[in-house]
Protein backbone atom coordinates (compact mmCIF):
# COMPACT_ATOMS: atom_id res chain seq x y z
CA UNK A 1 0.00 0.00 0.00
CA UNK A 2 2.94 2.33 0.54
CA UNK A 3 3.71 2.74 -3.19
CA UNK A 4 0.05 3.61 -3.81
CA UNK A 5 0.19 6.30 -1.13
CA UNK A 6 3.42 7.69 -2.54
CA UNK A 7 1.94 7.73 -6.05
CA UNK A 8 -1.19 9.56 -4.88
CA UNK A 9 0.84 11.99 -2.72
CA UNK A 10 -1.14 11.21 0.42
CA UNK A 11 0.10 10.01 3.80
CA UNK A 12 0.66 6.27 4.03
CA UNK A 13 -1.51 6.12 7.13
CA UNK A 14 -4.44 7.51 5.14
CA UNK A 15 -4.22 4.68 2.61
CA UNK A 16 -4.21 2.13 5.42
CA UNK A 17 -7.19 3.84 7.04
CA UNK A 18 -9.06 3.83 3.72
CA UNK A 19 -8.31 0.13 3.24
CA UNK A 20 -9.51 -0.80 6.71
CA UNK A 21 -12.62 1.36 6.43
CA UNK A 22 -13.57 -0.30 3.16
CA UNK A 23 -12.91 -3.74 4.61
CA UNK A 24 -15.10 -3.09 7.64
CA UNK A 25 -17.82 -1.57 5.48
CA UNK A 26 -17.89 -4.56 3.15
CA UNK A 27 -17.86 -7.04 6.04
CA UNK A 28 -21.21 -5.72 7.23
CA UNK A 29 -22.97 -7.60 4.43
CA UNK A 30 -20.54 -10.33 3.49
CA UNK A 31 -22.36 -13.57 4.28
CA UNK A 32 -19.08 -15.47 4.69
CA UNK A 33 -18.09 -13.41 7.71
CA UNK A 34 -18.51 -15.61 10.76
CA UNK A 35 -19.65 -12.74 12.97
CA UNK A 36 -22.42 -11.68 10.57
CA UNK A 37 -23.56 -15.21 9.84
CA UNK A 38 -23.43 -16.29 13.46
CA UNK A 39 -25.09 -13.13 14.75
CA UNK A 40 -28.05 -13.25 12.42
CA UNK A 41 -28.39 -17.00 12.96
CA UNK A 42 -28.52 -16.54 16.73
CA UNK A 43 -31.06 -13.75 16.31
CA UNK A 44 -33.09 -15.98 13.96
CA UNK A 45 -33.16 -13.27 11.29
CA UNK A 46 -33.14 -14.22 7.62
CA UNK A 47 -30.29 -12.82 5.58
CA UNK A 48 -32.55 -10.92 3.17
CA UNK A 49 -34.24 -9.13 6.09
CA UNK A 50 -30.82 -8.30 7.54
CA UNK A 51 -29.66 -6.82 4.22
CA UNK A 52 -32.82 -4.69 3.91
CA UNK A 53 -32.18 -3.42 7.44
CA UNK A 54 -28.47 -2.71 6.95
CA UNK A 55 -28.59 -0.99 3.52
CA UNK A 56 -29.55 2.48 4.90
CA UNK A 57 -26.78 2.23 7.48
CA UNK A 58 -24.31 1.25 4.78
CA UNK A 59 -25.30 4.26 2.69
CA UNK A 60 -24.78 6.60 5.63
CA UNK A 61 -21.44 4.98 6.48
CA UNK A 62 -20.33 5.18 2.84
CA UNK A 63 -20.93 8.92 2.76
CA UNK A 64 -19.32 9.51 6.16
CA UNK A 65 -16.25 7.44 5.36
CA UNK A 66 -15.85 9.28 2.05
CA UNK A 67 -16.18 12.68 3.73
CA UNK A 68 -13.71 11.84 6.48
CA UNK A 69 -11.18 10.41 4.05
CA UNK A 70 -11.52 13.45 1.78
CA UNK A 71 -10.94 15.78 4.72
CA UNK A 72 -7.92 13.74 5.82
CA UNK A 73 -6.49 13.79 2.31
CA UNK A 74 -7.06 17.53 2.04
CA UNK A 75 -5.40 18.20 5.42
CA UNK A 76 -2.64 15.65 4.86
PDB file of N, CA and C in Angstrom:
ATOM      1  N   UNK A   1       0.820  -1.188   0.000  1.00  0.00           N
ATOM      2  CA  UNK A   1       0.000   0.000   0.000  1.00  0.00           C
ATOM      3  C   UNK A   1       0.870   1.260   0.000  1.00  0.00           C
ATOM      4  N   UNK A   2       2.072   1.165   0.477  1.00  0.00           N
ATOM      5  CA  UNK A   2       2.943   2.335   0.541  1.00  0.00           C
ATOM      6  C   UNK A   2       3.219   2.938  -0.840  1.00  0.00           C
ATOM      7  N   UNK A   3       3.501   2.140  -1.874  1.00  0.00           N
ATOM      8  CA  UNK A   3       3.711   2.745  -3.190  1.00  0.00           C
ATOM      9  C   UNK A   3       2.462   3.467  -3.716  1.00  0.00           C
ATOM     10  N   UNK A   4       1.286   2.950  -3.390  1.00  0.00           N
ATOM     11  CA  UNK A   4       0.054   3.612  -3.808  1.00  0.00           C
ATOM     12  C   UNK A   4      -0.072   4.974  -3.128  1.00  0.00           C
ATOM     13  N   UNK A   5       0.241   5.032  -1.855  1.00  0.00           N
ATOM     14  CA  UNK A   5       0.190   6.301  -1.128  1.00  0.00           C
ATOM     15  C   UNK A   5       1.204   7.287  -1.689  1.00  0.00           C
ATOM     16  N   UNK A   6       2.401   6.808  -1.979  1.00  0.00           N
ATOM     17  CA  UNK A   6       3.421   7.691  -2.540  1.00  0.00           C
ATOM     18  C   UNK A   6       3.001   8.203  -3.911  1.00  0.00           C
ATOM     19  N   UNK A   7       2.392   7.348  -4.719  1.00  0.00           N
ATOM     20  CA  UNK A   7       1.945   7.734  -6.051  1.00  0.00           C
ATOM     21  C   UNK A   7       0.837   8.787  -5.979  1.00  0.00           C
ATOM     22  N   UNK A   8      -0.066   8.643  -5.017  1.00  0.00           N
ATOM     23  CA  UNK A   8      -1.193   9.563  -4.875  1.00  0.00           C
ATOM     24  C   UNK A   8      -0.845  10.802  -4.066  1.00  0.00           C
ATOM     25  N   UNK A   9       0.371  10.854  -3.530  1.00  0.00           N
ATOM     26  CA  UNK A   9       0.837  11.993  -2.723  1.00  0.00           C
ATOM     27  C   UNK A   9      -0.055  12.220  -1.499  1.00  0.00           C
ATOM     28  N   UNK A  10      -0.391  11.143  -0.830  1.00  0.00           N
ATOM     29  CA  UNK A  10      -1.136  11.211   0.424  1.00  0.00           C
ATOM     30  C   UNK A  10      -0.350  10.444   1.480  1.00  0.00           C
ATOM     31  N   UNK A  11      -0.611  10.742   2.744  1.00  0.00           N
ATOM     32  CA  UNK A  11       0.099  10.006   3.802  1.00  0.00           C
ATOM     33  C   UNK A  11      -0.189   8.507   3.734  1.00  0.00           C
ATOM     34  N   UNK A  12       0.816   7.733   4.051  1.00  0.00           N
ATOM     35  CA  UNK A  12       0.656   6.272   4.027  1.00  0.00           C
ATOM     36  C   UNK A  12      -0.417   5.810   5.009  1.00  0.00           C
ATOM     37  N   UNK A  13      -0.501   6.495   6.136  1.00  0.00           N
ATOM     38  CA  UNK A  13      -1.512   6.118   7.132  1.00  0.00           C
ATOM     39  C   UNK A  13      -2.927   6.319   6.597  1.00  0.00           C
ATOM     40  N   UNK A  14      -3.115   7.282   5.713  1.00  0.00           N
ATOM     41  CA  UNK A  14      -4.436   7.513   5.137  1.00  0.00           C
ATOM     42  C   UNK A  14      -4.857   6.353   4.226  1.00  0.00           C
ATOM     43  N   UNK A  15      -3.908   5.811   3.486  1.00  0.00           N
ATOM     44  CA  UNK A  15      -4.218   4.680   2.608  1.00  0.00           C
ATOM     45  C   UNK A  15      -4.591   3.458   3.444  1.00  0.00           C
ATOM     46  N   UNK A  16      -3.888   3.252   4.540  1.00  0.00           N
ATOM     47  CA  UNK A  16      -4.208   2.126   5.422  1.00  0.00           C
ATOM     48  C   UNK A  16      -5.582   2.324   6.049  1.00  0.00           C
ATOM     49  N   UNK A  17      -5.883   3.545   6.469  1.00  0.00           N
ATOM     50  CA  UNK A  17      -7.191   3.841   7.039  1.00  0.00           C
ATOM     51  C   UNK A  17      -8.299   3.621   6.016  1.00  0.00           C
ATOM     52  N   UNK A  18      -8.068   4.040   4.779  1.00  0.00           N
ATOM     53  CA  UNK A  18      -9.062   3.834   3.720  1.00  0.00           C
ATOM     54  C   UNK A  18      -9.284   2.340   3.476  1.00  0.00           C
ATOM     55  N   UNK A  19      -8.198   1.582   3.453  1.00  0.00           N
ATOM     56  CA  UNK A  19      -8.309   0.128   3.236  1.00  0.00           C
ATOM     57  C   UNK A  19      -9.119  -0.525   4.351  1.00  0.00           C
ATOM     58  N   UNK A  20      -8.811  -0.181   5.591  1.00  0.00           N
ATOM     59  CA  UNK A  20      -9.509  -0.799   6.715  1.00  0.00           C
ATOM     60  C   UNK A  20     -10.966  -0.349   6.790  1.00  0.00           C
ATOM     61  N   UNK A  21     -11.234   0.887   6.440  1.00  0.00           N
ATOM     62  CA  UNK A  21     -12.616   1.359   6.429  1.00  0.00           C
ATOM     63  C   UNK A  21     -13.433   0.601   5.389  1.00  0.00           C
ATOM     64  N   UNK A  22     -12.866   0.428   4.214  1.00  0.00           N
ATOM     65  CA  UNK A  22     -13.568  -0.302   3.160  1.00  0.00           C
ATOM     66  C   UNK A  22     -13.773  -1.764   3.542  1.00  0.00           C
ATOM     67  N   UNK A  23     -12.792  -2.346   4.183  1.00  0.00           N
ATOM     68  CA  UNK A  23     -12.911  -3.736   4.608  1.00  0.00           C
ATOM     69  C   UNK A  23     -14.023  -3.892   5.647  1.00  0.00           C
ATOM     70  N   UNK A  24     -14.049  -3.028   6.622  1.00  0.00           N
ATOM     71  CA  UNK A  24     -15.100  -3.087   7.644  1.00  0.00           C
ATOM     72  C   UNK A  24     -16.473  -2.832   7.073  1.00  0.00           C
ATOM     73  N   UNK A  25     -16.551  -1.889   6.129  1.00  0.00           N
ATOM     74  CA  UNK A  25     -17.824  -1.568   5.484  1.00  0.00           C
ATOM     75  C   UNK A  25     -18.352  -2.768   4.704  1.00  0.00           C
ATOM     76  N   UNK A  26     -17.482  -3.403   3.952  1.00  0.00           N
ATOM     77  CA  UNK A  26     -17.893  -4.563   3.151  1.00  0.00           C
ATOM     78  C   UNK A  26     -18.241  -5.755   4.030  1.00  0.00           C
ATOM     79  N   UNK A  27     -17.584  -5.909   5.155  1.00  0.00           N
ATOM     80  CA  UNK A  27     -17.855  -7.042   6.043  1.00  0.00           C
ATOM     81  C   UNK A  27     -19.213  -6.967   6.731  1.00  0.00           C
ATOM     82  N   UNK A  28     -19.873  -5.814   6.646  1.00  0.00           N
ATOM     83  CA  UNK A  28     -21.210  -5.717   7.228  1.00  0.00           C
ATOM     84  C   UNK A  28     -22.224  -6.584   6.492  1.00  0.00           C
ATOM     85  N   UNK A  29     -21.996  -6.825   5.212  1.00  0.00           N
ATOM     86  CA  UNK A  29     -22.973  -7.598   4.435  1.00  0.00           C
ATOM     87  C   UNK A  29     -22.407  -8.879   3.850  1.00  0.00           C
ATOM     88  N   UNK A  30     -21.139  -9.128   4.050  1.00  0.00           N
ATOM     89  CA  UNK A  30     -20.538 -10.329   3.487  1.00  0.00           C
ATOM     90  C   UNK A  30     -21.055 -11.547   4.245  1.00  0.00           C
ATOM     91  N   UNK A  31     -21.768 -12.437   3.563  1.00  0.00           N
ATOM     92  CA  UNK A  31     -22.360 -13.574   4.280  1.00  0.00           C
ATOM     93  C   UNK A  31     -21.328 -14.615   4.719  1.00  0.00           C
ATOM     94  N   UNK A  32     -20.090 -14.503   4.269  1.00  0.00           N
ATOM     95  CA  UNK A  32     -19.082 -15.466   4.690  1.00  0.00           C
ATOM     96  C   UNK A  32     -18.362 -15.034   5.964  1.00  0.00           C
ATOM     97  N   UNK A  33     -18.673 -13.857   6.462  1.00  0.00           N
ATOM     98  CA  UNK A  33     -18.087 -13.410   7.711  1.00  0.00           C
ATOM     99  C   UNK A  33     -18.762 -14.148   8.862  1.00  0.00           C
ATOM    100  N   UNK A  34     -17.960 -14.780   9.679  1.00  0.00           N
ATOM    101  CA  UNK A  34     -18.509 -15.605  10.765  1.00  0.00           C
ATOM    102  C   UNK A  34     -19.335 -14.781  11.744  1.00  0.00           C
ATOM    103  N   UNK A  35     -18.924 -13.569  12.010  1.00  0.00           N
ATOM    104  CA  UNK A  35     -19.653 -12.741  12.970  1.00  0.00           C
ATOM    105  C   UNK A  35     -21.044 -12.407  12.432  1.00  0.00           C
ATOM    106  N   UNK A  36     -21.123 -12.012  11.164  1.00  0.00           N
ATOM    107  CA  UNK A  36     -22.420 -11.679  10.571  1.00  0.00           C
ATOM    108  C   UNK A  36     -23.307 -12.912  10.509  1.00  0.00           C
ATOM    109  N   UNK A  37     -22.772 -13.990   9.979  1.00  0.00           N
ATOM    110  CA  UNK A  37     -23.557 -15.212   9.836  1.00  0.00           C
ATOM    111  C   UNK A  37     -24.004 -15.745  11.193  1.00  0.00           C
ATOM    112  N   UNK A  38     -23.092 -15.801  12.128  1.00  0.00           N
ATOM    113  CA  UNK A  38     -23.430 -16.293  13.460  1.00  0.00           C
ATOM    114  C   UNK A  38     -24.408 -15.395  14.186  1.00  0.00           C
ATOM    115  N   UNK A  39     -24.208 -14.081  14.066  1.00  0.00           N
ATOM    116  CA  UNK A  39     -25.086 -13.134  14.748  1.00  0.00           C
ATOM    117  C   UNK A  39     -26.517 -13.182  14.246  1.00  0.00           C
ATOM    118  N   UNK A  40     -26.672 -13.215  12.927  1.00  0.00           N
ATOM    119  CA  UNK A  40     -28.048 -13.251  12.423  1.00  0.00           C
ATOM    120  C   UNK A  40     -28.674 -14.630  12.610  1.00  0.00           C
ATOM    121  N   UNK A  41     -27.854 -15.670  12.684  1.00  0.00           N
ATOM    122  CA  UNK A  41     -28.391 -17.004  12.961  1.00  0.00           C
ATOM    123  C   UNK A  41     -28.880 -17.091  14.410  1.00  0.00           C
ATOM    124  N   UNK A  42     -28.099 -16.534  15.323  1.00  0.00           N
ATOM    125  CA  UNK A  42     -28.521 -16.535  16.727  1.00  0.00           C
ATOM    126  C   UNK A  42     -29.778 -15.699  16.938  1.00  0.00           C
ATOM    127  N   UNK A  43     -29.893 -14.613  16.190  1.00  0.00           N
ATOM    128  CA  UNK A  43     -31.059 -13.750  16.314  1.00  0.00           C
ATOM    129  C   UNK A  43     -32.261 -14.285  15.532  1.00  0.00           C
ATOM    130  N   UNK A  44     -32.037 -15.366  14.775  1.00  0.00           N
ATOM    131  CA  UNK A  44     -33.085 -15.976  13.957  1.00  0.00           C
ATOM    132  C   UNK A  44     -33.678 -14.971  12.967  1.00  0.00           C
ATOM    133  N   UNK A  45     -32.771 -14.234  12.313  1.00  0.00           N
ATOM    134  CA  UNK A  45     -33.159 -13.273  11.292  1.00  0.00           C
ATOM    135  C   UNK A  45     -32.693 -13.806   9.951  1.00  0.00           C
ATOM    136  N   UNK A  46     -33.556 -13.779   8.948  1.00  0.00           N
ATOM    137  CA  UNK A  46     -33.141 -14.219   7.624  1.00  0.00           C
ATOM    138  C   UNK A  46     -32.185 -13.205   7.020  1.00  0.00           C
ATOM    139  N   UNK A  47     -31.321 -13.688   6.152  1.00  0.00           N
ATOM    140  CA  UNK A  47     -30.287 -12.819   5.579  1.00  0.00           C
ATOM    141  C   UNK A  47     -30.888 -11.694   4.736  1.00  0.00           C
ATOM    142  N   UNK A  48     -31.952 -11.974   3.997  1.00  0.00           N
ATOM    143  CA  UNK A  48     -32.549 -10.922   3.168  1.00  0.00           C
ATOM    144  C   UNK A  48     -33.154  -9.812   4.027  1.00  0.00           C
ATOM    145  N   UNK A  49     -33.716 -10.159   5.167  1.00  0.00           N
ATOM    146  CA  UNK A  49     -34.236  -9.132   6.091  1.00  0.00           C
ATOM    147  C   UNK A  49     -33.094  -8.327   6.688  1.00  0.00           C
ATOM    148  N   UNK A  50     -31.991  -8.986   6.999  1.00  0.00           N
ATOM    149  CA  UNK A  50     -30.816  -8.302   7.535  1.00  0.00           C
ATOM    150  C   UNK A  50     -30.279  -7.297   6.518  1.00  0.00           C
ATOM    151  N   UNK A  51     -30.190  -7.709   5.262  1.00  0.00           N
ATOM    152  CA  UNK A  51     -29.661  -6.820   4.224  1.00  0.00           C
ATOM    153  C   UNK A  51     -30.580  -5.611   4.040  1.00  0.00           C
ATOM    154  N   UNK A  52     -31.889  -5.819   4.037  1.00  0.00           N
ATOM    155  CA  UNK A  52     -32.820  -4.695   3.914  1.00  0.00           C
ATOM    156  C   UNK A  52     -32.664  -3.724   5.084  1.00  0.00           C
ATOM    157  N   UNK A  53     -32.363  -4.252   6.255  1.00  0.00           N
ATOM    158  CA  UNK A  53     -32.181  -3.418   7.439  1.00  0.00           C
ATOM    159  C   UNK A  53     -30.862  -2.652   7.383  1.00  0.00           C
ATOM    160  N   UNK A  54     -29.803  -3.273   6.876  1.00  0.00           N
ATOM    161  CA  UNK A  54     -28.467  -2.710   6.948  1.00  0.00           C
ATOM    162  C   UNK A  54     -28.149  -1.755   5.797  1.00  0.00           C
ATOM    163  N   UNK A  55     -28.888  -1.820   4.694  1.00  0.00           N
ATOM    164  CA  UNK A  55     -28.591  -0.986   3.524  1.00  0.00           C
ATOM    165  C   UNK A  55     -28.621   0.516   3.849  1.00  0.00           C
ATOM    166  N   UNK A  56     -29.611   1.040   4.565  1.00  0.00           N
ATOM    167  CA  UNK A  56     -29.554   2.478   4.899  1.00  0.00           C
ATOM    168  C   UNK A  56     -28.330   2.842   5.743  1.00  0.00           C
ATOM    169  N   UNK A  57     -27.974   1.986   6.677  1.00  0.00           N
ATOM    170  CA  UNK A  57     -26.777   2.226   7.479  1.00  0.00           C
ATOM    171  C   UNK A  57     -25.535   2.223   6.607  1.00  0.00           C
ATOM    172  N   UNK A  58     -25.472   1.306   5.667  1.00  0.00           N
ATOM    173  CA  UNK A  58     -24.308   1.245   4.780  1.00  0.00           C
ATOM    174  C   UNK A  58     -24.206   2.496   3.921  1.00  0.00           C
ATOM    175  N   UNK A  59     -25.325   3.024   3.477  1.00  0.00           N
ATOM    176  CA  UNK A  59     -25.302   4.256   2.685  1.00  0.00           C
ATOM    177  C   UNK A  59     -24.778   5.426   3.517  1.00  0.00           C
ATOM    178  N   UNK A  60     -25.246   5.524   4.744  1.00  0.00           N
ATOM    179  CA  UNK A  60     -24.777   6.597   5.633  1.00  0.00           C
ATOM    180  C   UNK A  60     -23.290   6.445   5.906  1.00  0.00           C
ATOM    181  N   UNK A  61     -22.852   5.222   6.214  1.00  0.00           N
ATOM    182  CA  UNK A  61     -21.435   4.981   6.480  1.00  0.00           C
ATOM    183  C   UNK A  61     -20.573   5.262   5.255  1.00  0.00           C
ATOM    184  N   UNK A  62     -21.063   4.921   4.067  1.00  0.00           N
ATOM    185  CA  UNK A  62     -20.330   5.176   2.835  1.00  0.00           C
ATOM    186  C   UNK A  62     -20.065   6.666   2.665  1.00  0.00           C
ATOM    187  N   UNK A  63     -21.080   7.465   2.890  1.00  0.00           N
ATOM    188  CA  UNK A  63     -20.931   8.917   2.762  1.00  0.00           C
ATOM    189  C   UNK A  63     -19.984   9.454   3.837  1.00  0.00           C
ATOM    190  N   UNK A  64     -20.173   9.023   5.066  1.00  0.00           N
ATOM    191  CA  UNK A  64     -19.319   9.505   6.163  1.00  0.00           C
ATOM    192  C   UNK A  64     -17.856   9.121   5.965  1.00  0.00           C
ATOM    193  N   UNK A  65     -17.623   7.884   5.588  1.00  0.00           N
ATOM    194  CA  UNK A  65     -16.253   7.439   5.357  1.00  0.00           C
ATOM    195  C   UNK A  65     -15.622   8.256   4.237  1.00  0.00           C
ATOM    196  N   UNK A  66     -16.367   8.476   3.165  1.00  0.00           N
ATOM    197  CA  UNK A  66     -15.853   9.278   2.053  1.00  0.00           C
ATOM    198  C   UNK A  66     -15.530  10.698   2.470  1.00  0.00           C
ATOM    199  N   UNK A  67     -16.408  11.302   3.266  1.00  0.00           N
ATOM    200  CA  UNK A  67     -16.177  12.677   3.727  1.00  0.00           C
ATOM    201  C   UNK A  67     -14.945  12.736   4.627  1.00  0.00           C
ATOM    202  N   UNK A  68     -14.845  11.826   5.572  1.00  0.00           N
ATOM    203  CA  UNK A  68     -13.705  11.839   6.482  1.00  0.00           C
ATOM    204  C   UNK A  68     -12.391  11.578   5.766  1.00  0.00           C
ATOM    205  N   UNK A  69     -12.391  10.669   4.803  1.00  0.00           N
ATOM    206  CA  UNK A  69     -11.177  10.406   4.055  1.00  0.00           C
ATOM    207  C   UNK A  69     -10.800  11.580   3.163  1.00  0.00           C
ATOM    208  N   UNK A  70     -11.803  12.255   2.598  1.00  0.00           N
ATOM    209  CA  UNK A  70     -11.524  13.449   1.782  1.00  0.00           C
ATOM    210  C   UNK A  70     -10.937  14.572   2.634  1.00  0.00           C
ATOM    211  N   UNK A  71     -11.473  14.755   3.816  1.00  0.00           N
ATOM    212  CA  UNK A  71     -10.940  15.778   4.721  1.00  0.00           C
ATOM    213  C   UNK A  71      -9.509  15.435   5.123  1.00  0.00           C
ATOM    214  N   UNK A  72      -9.276  14.171   5.437  1.00  0.00           N
ATOM    215  CA  UNK A  72      -7.921  13.744   5.820  1.00  0.00           C
ATOM    216  C   UNK A  72      -6.928  13.912   4.673  1.00  0.00           C
ATOM    217  N   UNK A  73      -7.366  13.623   3.458  1.00  0.00           N
ATOM    218  CA  UNK A  73      -6.489  13.793   2.307  1.00  0.00           C
ATOM    219  C   UNK A  73      -6.213  15.277   2.056  1.00  0.00           C
ATOM    220  N   UNK A  74      -7.228  16.103   2.259  1.00  0.00           N
ATOM    221  CA  UNK A  74      -7.056  17.528   2.045  1.00  0.00           C
ATOM    222  C   UNK A  74      -6.120  18.144   3.102  1.00  0.00           C
ATOM    223  N   UNK A  75      -6.250  17.679   4.348  1.00  0.00           N
ATOM    224  CA  UNK A  75      -5.401  18.200   5.417  1.00  0.00           C
ATOM    225  C   UNK A  75      -4.002  17.591   5.405  1.00  0.00           C
ATOM    226  N   UNK A  76      -3.896  16.384   4.840  1.00  0.00           N
ATOM    227  CA  UNK A  76      -2.636  15.655   4.856  1.00  0.00           C
ATOM    228  C   UNK A  76      -1.708  16.152   3.823  1.00  0.00           C
TER     229      UNK A  76
END
